[in-house]
Amino acid sequence: MQSCKYLRLSDSEREEISLGIASGKKLCEIAQHLNRHTSTVSREVARNGGIDGYRAFRAGNKARRNATSRKHGHRRIFKEAPLHAFVLSGLRERWSPREIVRRMEMAYPQDISMRISHEAIYQYVYVLPRGSLKKELLSCLRQERKYRRKKGGRKGKPEETRGKIADMLSIEERPKEVEDRIIPGHWEGDLIMGKYKRSAMGTLVERTTRYTIMVPLGRQKDAVSVRKAYAKAMRTIPKELTKTLTYDQGKEMSEHKKFTIDTGIQVYFAHPGSPWERGTNENTNGLIRQYFPKGTEFDKVSTREIKRVQRQLNNRPRAALGFYKPDEKFNELVALNS
């Protein structure tokens, strides 16, 4: 087996793979015959139509196109005006390169000229000369969130320092249908805190469609204000699409029983120090931080600006939705329930 340096599969090797499949050989047998790792042959077959659809000629052409795209793909963005316009527009909407690529395929299914790899889009941004455009586009690329945990203390369950919320229902009592994301109308919520925790903004995310509502709060982040603001926001949604809300154990939700009376939405609480139990909301908050980084003073951000960002976020294609947009998926549900 080759172990020092990986060499790309040749056209003759692809022919051997195709012939081997046609004769009914197992992939491990074909790999042994070629003196290749089984994983190399398996990946080659899987990304080119599988056992039933593998064709050597087609696989070879695809490999050469991909290699060219990786090496020089970013240059096409400079040359092709429609391609350049689509990429630039997507970046300015804060779409990730992968989201741009998939939406381009959906928008231009028959137009081969409107094809680029997400690596090429990253290259395009980084090879730009220094200047305002490069600075603008770099700021649009999402930075990976880093979670910081407090040092010290006992290992195991995180110590909960906040007071308990009266009569709260645990996430363990939540209907099992919520977990599967098949039935819409189940939401997750949280606060995004501003500078020195003096101001805040509420975020509510529907689990199935990722549709997001951003709730302006400013410095009014006490339990009564949050209850009223959340209830007002949820009344804009059809009742069939408002079933439950999963929240962390923040004291701003201590009026959850009144919230349920106001809206008919049952609130369930995640375990302390368990952000993954509201993973949809946590991921969405990470996207929102692109627009409102830590240190933002939300009492100085207008409602108009918050709603502008909300519209942009719901207009962003998501991998979890097959690169459809939350707006598109949510509007489908609204139409079905109208």
Protein backbone atom coordinates (compact mmCIF):
# COMPACT_ATOMS: atom_id res chain seq x y z
CA MET A 1 0.00 0.00 0.00
CA GLN A 2 1.15 3.55 -0.71
CA SER A 3 1.80 5.32 2.55
CA CYS A 4 4.40 8.03 1.90
CA LYS A 5 2.67 10.29 -0.57
CA TYR A 6 -0.89 10.26 -1.83
CA LEU A 7 -1.25 10.20 -5.62
CA ARG A 8 -4.52 11.04 -7.29
CA LEU A 9 -6.28 8.24 -9.11
CA SER A 10 -5.39 8.00 -12.79
CA ASP A 11 -7.84 7.47 -15.65
CA SER A 12 -6.61 3.89 -16.05
CA GLU A 13 -7.27 3.22 -12.35
CA ARG A 14 -10.76 4.61 -12.70
CA GLU A 15 -11.32 2.24 -15.62
CA GLU A 16 -10.17 -0.65 -13.42
CA ILE A 17 -12.62 0.43 -10.71
CA SER A 18 -15.45 0.58 -13.24
CA LEU A 19 -14.60 -2.84 -14.66
CA GLY A 20 -14.27 -4.31 -11.18
CA ILE A 21 -17.71 -3.03 -10.16
CA ALA A 22 -19.23 -4.36 -13.38
CA SER A 23 -17.76 -7.82 -12.71
CA GLY A 24 -19.22 -7.87 -9.20
CA LYS A 25 -15.99 -7.47 -7.22
CA LYS A 26 -16.01 -5.94 -3.75
CA LEU A 27 -14.39 -2.52 -3.31
CA CYS A 28 -11.74 -3.98 -1.02
CA GLU A 29 -10.77 -6.45 -3.78
CA ILE A 30 -10.56 -3.66 -6.36
CA ALA A 31 -8.43 -1.59 -3.96
CA GLN A 32 -6.07 -4.52 -3.33
CA HIS A 33 -5.67 -5.05 -7.09
CA LEU A 34 -4.81 -1.34 -7.53
CA ASN A 35 -2.52 -1.31 -4.47
CA ARG A 36 -4.71 1.42 -2.99
CA HIS A 37 -6.39 1.87 0.37
CA THR A 38 -9.98 0.66 0.40
CA SER A 39 -11.08 4.07 1.71
CA THR A 40 -9.61 5.75 -1.40
CA VAL A 41 -11.66 3.57 -3.73
CA SER A 42 -14.74 3.82 -1.52
CA ARG A 43 -14.65 7.65 -1.50
CA GLU A 44 -14.09 7.74 -5.25
CA VAL A 45 -17.15 5.58 -5.89
CA ALA A 46 -19.35 7.31 -3.32
CA ARG A 47 -18.81 10.82 -4.72
CA ASN A 48 -19.35 9.70 -8.31
CA GLY A 49 -22.72 8.00 -8.35
CA GLY A 50 -22.16 5.04 -6.04
CA ILE A 51 -21.95 1.37 -7.03
CA ASP A 52 -24.86 1.63 -9.48
CA GLY A 53 -23.91 4.94 -11.08
CA TYR A 54 -20.11 4.97 -11.23
CA ARG A 55 -18.62 5.76 -14.67
CA ALA A 56 -14.86 6.15 -15.12
CA PHE A 57 -15.04 8.80 -17.86
CA ARG A 58 -17.48 10.99 -15.93
CA ALA A 59 -15.52 10.60 -12.67
CA GLY A 60 -12.26 11.61 -14.38
CA ASN A 61 -13.79 14.73 -15.92
CA LYS A 62 -15.26 15.75 -12.58
CA ALA A 63 -11.90 15.30 -10.83
CA ARG A 64 -10.16 17.50 -13.40
CA ARG A 65 -12.82 20.21 -13.12
CA ASN A 66 -12.55 20.19 -9.34
CA ALA A 67 -8.75 20.37 -9.45
CA THR A 68 -8.88 23.35 -11.81
CA SER A 69 -11.50 25.03 -9.67
CA ARG A 70 -9.41 24.59 -6.52
CA LYS A 71 -6.32 26.00 -8.17
CA HIS A 72 -7.74 28.85 -10.23
CA GLY A 73 -11.43 29.02 -9.32
CA HIS A 74 -11.19 32.39 -7.59
CA ARG A 75 -9.94 33.99 -10.82
CA ARG A 76 -13.26 33.21 -12.49
CA ILE A 77 -15.02 35.45 -9.98
CA PHE A 78 -13.02 38.41 -11.28
CA LYS A 79 -13.75 37.51 -14.93
CA GLU A 80 -17.42 36.44 -14.88
CA ALA A 81 -19.63 39.46 -14.14
CA PRO A 82 -22.84 37.55 -13.16
CA LEU A 83 -20.83 35.14 -10.99
CA HIS A 84 -19.00 38.03 -9.35
CA ALA A 85 -22.26 39.87 -8.67
CA PHE A 86 -23.89 36.80 -7.08
CA VAL A 87 -20.88 36.06 -4.84
CA LEU A 88 -20.51 39.70 -3.79
CA SER A 89 -24.21 40.01 -3.03
CA GLY A 90 -24.18 36.81 -0.96
CA LEU A 91 -21.13 37.88 1.04
CA ARG A 92 -22.70 41.25 1.77
CA GLU A 93 -25.80 39.42 3.01
CA ARG A 94 -23.39 37.56 5.34
CA TRP A 95 -24.04 34.20 3.70
CA SER A 96 -21.24 31.70 4.13
CA PRO A 97 -19.33 30.65 0.96
CA ARG A 98 -21.00 27.22 1.16
CA GLU A 99 -24.44 28.83 1.37
CA ILE A 100 -23.61 31.00 -1.65
CA VAL A 101 -22.51 27.97 -3.71
CA ARG A 102 -25.64 25.96 -2.97
CA ARG A 103 -28.04 28.85 -3.58
CA MET A 104 -26.27 29.56 -6.87
CA GLU A 105 -26.87 25.96 -7.95
CA MET A 106 -30.55 26.30 -7.03
CA ALA A 107 -30.93 29.66 -8.82
CA TYR A 108 -29.06 28.54 -11.99
CA PRO A 109 -29.57 24.76 -12.28
CA GLN A 110 -28.72 24.63 -16.01
CA ASP A 111 -26.04 27.34 -16.18
CA ILE A 112 -22.60 25.73 -15.82
CA SER A 113 -20.92 29.16 -15.90
CA MET A 114 -22.56 29.89 -12.53
CA ARG A 115 -20.51 27.31 -10.67
CA ILE A 116 -17.73 27.87 -8.14
CA SER A 117 -16.39 26.06 -5.11
CA HIS A 118 -16.67 27.52 -1.61
CA GLU A 119 -12.87 27.28 -1.31
CA ALA A 120 -12.58 29.55 -4.35
CA ILE A 121 -14.80 32.15 -2.69
CA TYR A 122 -12.55 32.15 0.38
CA GLN A 123 -9.52 32.53 -1.92
CA TYR A 124 -11.23 35.39 -3.74
CA VAL A 125 -11.69 37.31 -0.48
CA TYR A 126 -8.17 36.69 0.78
CA VAL A 127 -6.38 37.56 -2.48
CA LEU A 128 -8.10 40.94 -2.73
CA PRO A 129 -5.66 43.82 -2.28
CA ARG A 130 -5.83 45.73 0.95
CA GLY A 131 -8.62 48.22 0.97
CA SER A 132 -12.17 48.92 2.02
CA LEU A 133 -13.69 46.08 -0.07
CA LYS A 134 -11.43 43.42 1.45
CA LYS A 135 -12.06 44.79 4.94
CA GLU A 136 -15.83 44.78 4.32
CA LEU A 137 -15.92 41.20 2.97
CA LEU A 138 -13.65 39.83 5.68
CA SER A 139 -16.01 41.27 8.28
CA CYS A 140 -18.89 39.41 6.58
CA LEU A 141 -17.25 35.99 6.93
CA ARG A 142 -18.52 34.21 10.00
CA GLN A 143 -16.00 33.72 12.80
CA GLU A 144 -16.25 30.45 14.69
CA ARG A 145 -17.76 30.88 18.12
CA LYS A 146 -15.63 29.96 21.10
CA TYR A 147 -17.31 28.82 24.26
CA ARG A 148 -15.47 29.70 27.45
CA ARG A 149 -16.01 27.78 30.62
CA LYS A 150 -15.17 28.99 34.11
CA LYS A 151 -11.95 27.58 35.47
CA GLY A 152 -11.77 25.80 38.78
CA GLY A 153 -14.66 24.48 40.79
CA ARG A 154 -15.81 20.92 41.04
CA LYS A 155 -15.86 18.67 38.02
CA GLY A 156 -19.14 17.28 36.77
CA LYS A 157 -22.38 19.21 36.77
CA PRO A 158 -21.98 23.01 36.49
CA GLU A 159 -22.77 24.83 39.70
CA GLU A 160 -26.00 26.80 39.41
CA THR A 161 -25.76 30.19 41.15
CA ARG A 162 -29.13 31.64 40.04
CA GLY A 163 -32.32 31.35 42.01
CA LYS A 164 -34.78 28.67 41.01
CA ILE A 165 -37.78 29.64 38.89
CA ALA A 166 -41.07 28.71 40.51
CA ASP A 167 -43.24 25.98 38.94
CA MET A 168 -40.97 25.46 35.97
CA LEU A 169 -41.34 22.42 33.73
CA SER A 170 -38.11 20.60 32.84
CA ILE A 171 -37.12 19.92 29.24
CA GLU A 172 -37.46 16.25 30.17
CA GLU A 173 -41.22 16.77 30.34
CA ARG A 174 -41.35 18.31 26.89
CA PRO A 175 -43.29 16.31 24.24
CA LYS A 176 -41.09 13.86 22.33
CA GLU A 177 -42.31 15.29 19.02
CA VAL A 178 -40.23 18.43 19.68
CA GLU A 179 -36.97 16.50 19.44
CA ASP A 180 -37.68 15.13 15.96
CA ARG A 181 -38.23 18.57 14.35
CA ILE A 182 -40.98 17.07 12.20
CA ILE A 183 -43.92 18.96 13.69
CA PRO A 184 -43.49 22.76 13.46
CA GLY A 185 -44.43 25.30 16.11
CA HIS A 186 -41.81 24.52 18.75
CA TRP A 187 -39.52 27.44 19.59
CA GLU A 188 -36.30 28.08 21.51
CA GLY A 189 -35.49 31.39 23.21
CA ASP A 190 -32.76 33.33 24.96
CA LEU A 191 -31.38 36.79 25.68
CA ILE A 192 -28.33 38.25 23.98
CA MET A 193 -26.73 40.55 26.53
CA GLY A 194 -25.28 43.94 25.71
CA LYS A 195 -22.29 45.79 27.16
CA TYR A 196 -21.85 45.24 30.92
CA LYS A 197 -25.17 43.31 30.78
CA ARG A 198 -27.00 46.62 31.04
CA SER A 199 -29.10 46.01 27.92
CA ALA A 200 -30.36 43.01 26.01
CA MET A 201 -32.20 41.68 22.97
CA GLY A 202 -34.48 38.64 22.95
CA THR A 203 -34.20 35.90 20.31
CA LEU A 204 -36.91 33.35 19.46
CA VAL A 205 -36.20 30.61 16.90
CA GLU A 206 -38.61 28.05 15.42
CA ARG A 207 -36.87 24.65 15.50
CA THR A 208 -38.15 23.21 12.22
CA THR A 209 -37.68 26.21 9.91
CA ARG A 210 -35.02 28.19 11.84
CA TYR A 211 -37.28 31.23 11.43
CA THR A 212 -36.05 33.88 13.88
CA ILE A 213 -37.77 36.70 15.71
CA MET A 214 -35.50 39.32 17.28
CA VAL A 215 -37.17 41.18 20.15
CA PRO A 216 -35.90 44.69 21.03
CA LEU A 217 -35.66 45.14 24.81
CA GLY A 218 -33.06 47.83 25.44
CA ARG A 219 -32.64 48.15 29.20
CA GLN A 220 -36.11 46.75 29.90
CA LYS A 221 -34.98 43.16 30.48
CA ASP A 222 -36.84 42.41 33.70
CA ALA A 223 -39.32 39.50 33.81
CA VAL A 224 -42.44 41.61 33.25
CA SER A 225 -40.96 43.49 30.27
CA VAL A 226 -39.63 40.28 28.69
CA ARG A 227 -42.97 38.49 29.13
CA LYS A 228 -44.89 41.32 27.48
CA ALA A 229 -42.38 41.74 24.64
CA TYR A 230 -42.25 38.01 23.89
CA ALA A 231 -46.03 37.68 24.02
CA LYS A 232 -46.44 40.60 21.62
CA ALA A 233 -43.92 39.05 19.22
CA MET A 234 -45.54 35.61 19.28
CA ARG A 235 -49.02 37.03 18.62
CA THR A 236 -47.79 37.90 15.10
CA ILE A 237 -47.43 34.16 14.39
CA PRO A 238 -50.38 31.89 13.48
CA LYS A 239 -51.57 30.02 16.58
CA GLU A 240 -51.00 26.64 14.91
CA LEU A 241 -47.28 27.46 14.77
CA THR A 242 -46.88 28.39 18.45
CA LYS A 243 -46.92 25.27 20.61
CA THR A 244 -43.94 25.30 23.00
CA LEU A 245 -40.95 27.41 23.97
CA THR A 246 -37.72 25.93 25.35
CA TYR A 247 -35.71 28.44 27.40
CA ASP A 248 -32.72 28.48 29.73
CA GLN A 249 -33.18 29.16 33.43
CA GLY A 250 -32.70 32.90 33.22
CA LYS A 251 -34.76 34.92 35.70
CA GLU A 252 -36.19 37.00 32.85
CA MET A 253 -38.53 34.05 32.22
CA SER A 254 -39.78 33.82 35.80
CA GLU A 255 -43.23 35.00 34.62
CA HIS A 256 -43.51 31.96 32.33
CA LYS A 257 -46.92 30.96 33.72
CA LYS A 258 -48.41 34.36 32.81
CA PHE A 259 -46.71 34.10 29.42
CA THR A 260 -48.47 30.76 28.86
CA ILE A 261 -51.82 32.30 29.86
CA ASP A 262 -51.19 35.23 27.47
CA THR A 263 -50.15 33.09 24.49
CA GLY A 264 -51.13 29.46 25.06
CA ILE A 265 -47.45 28.52 24.63
CA GLN A 266 -46.09 26.08 27.20
CA VAL A 267 -42.57 26.91 28.42
CA TYR A 268 -39.99 24.21 29.20
CA PHE A 269 -36.63 24.90 30.80
CA ALA A 270 -33.27 23.44 29.79
CA HIS A 271 -30.84 22.15 32.38
CA PRO A 272 -28.33 24.68 33.78
CA GLY A 273 -25.11 24.92 31.77
CA SER A 274 -26.53 22.84 28.89
CA PRO A 275 -26.63 25.15 25.82
CA TRP A 276 -26.82 22.15 23.46
CA GLU A 277 -30.37 21.55 24.68
CA ARG A 278 -31.24 24.78 22.83
CA GLY A 279 -28.80 24.17 19.99
CA THR A 280 -30.91 25.87 17.31
CA ASN A 281 -31.09 29.05 19.37
CA GLU A 282 -27.40 28.94 20.31
CA ASN A 283 -26.38 28.59 16.66
CA THR A 284 -28.69 31.43 15.64
CA ASN A 285 -27.28 33.67 18.36
CA GLY A 286 -23.84 32.98 16.90
CA LEU A 287 -25.07 34.28 13.53
CA ILE A 288 -26.64 37.32 15.17
CA ARG A 289 -23.33 38.18 16.84
CA GLN A 290 -21.96 38.86 13.35
CA TYR A 291 -24.23 41.89 13.29
CA PHE A 292 -24.19 42.79 16.98
CA PRO A 293 -20.82 41.75 18.47
CA LYS A 294 -20.11 41.57 22.18
CA GLY A 295 -20.06 45.05 23.65
CA THR A 296 -23.09 46.22 21.65
CA GLU A 297 -25.31 48.60 23.62
CA PHE A 298 -28.77 47.42 22.60
CA ASP A 299 -30.47 50.46 24.13
CA LYS A 300 -28.69 52.47 21.42
CA VAL A 301 -29.73 50.16 18.56
CA SER A 302 -32.99 51.15 16.85
CA THR A 303 -35.90 48.76 16.41
CA ARG A 304 -35.67 49.42 12.68
CA GLU A 305 -32.07 48.17 12.62
CA ILE A 306 -32.92 45.07 14.66
CA LYS A 307 -35.78 44.20 12.30
CA ARG A 308 -33.55 44.82 9.27
CA VAL A 309 -31.11 42.23 10.61
CA GLN A 310 -34.00 39.86 11.36
CA ARG A 311 -35.13 40.07 7.72
CA GLN A 312 -31.58 39.46 6.50
CA LEU A 313 -31.15 36.48 8.80
CA ASN A 314 -34.40 34.88 7.67
CA ASN A 315 -33.37 35.46 4.06
CA ARG A 316 -30.13 33.51 4.57
CA PRO A 317 -29.93 29.97 3.09
CA ARG A 318 -29.21 27.27 5.70
CA ALA A 319 -27.47 23.95 5.25
CA ALA A 320 -29.90 22.37 7.73
CA LEU A 321 -32.78 23.34 5.41
CA GLY A 322 -31.19 21.98 2.25
CA PHE A 323 -30.05 25.55 1.56
CA TYR A 324 -33.57 26.90 1.50
CA LYS A 325 -34.18 30.05 3.53
CA PRO A 326 -36.08 30.21 6.84
CA ASP A 327 -38.48 32.68 5.21
CA GLU A 328 -39.26 30.24 2.42
CA LYS A 329 -39.88 27.31 4.76
CA PHE A 330 -41.88 29.34 7.29
CA ASN A 331 -44.08 30.92 4.63
CA GLU A 332 -44.87 27.42 3.32
CA LEU A 333 -46.15 26.49 6.78
CA VAL A 334 -48.15 29.70 7.10
CA ALA A 335 -49.79 29.02 3.72
CA LEU A 336 -50.69 25.47 4.79
CA ASN A 337 -52.27 26.73 8.01
CA SER A 338 -54.15 29.68 6.54
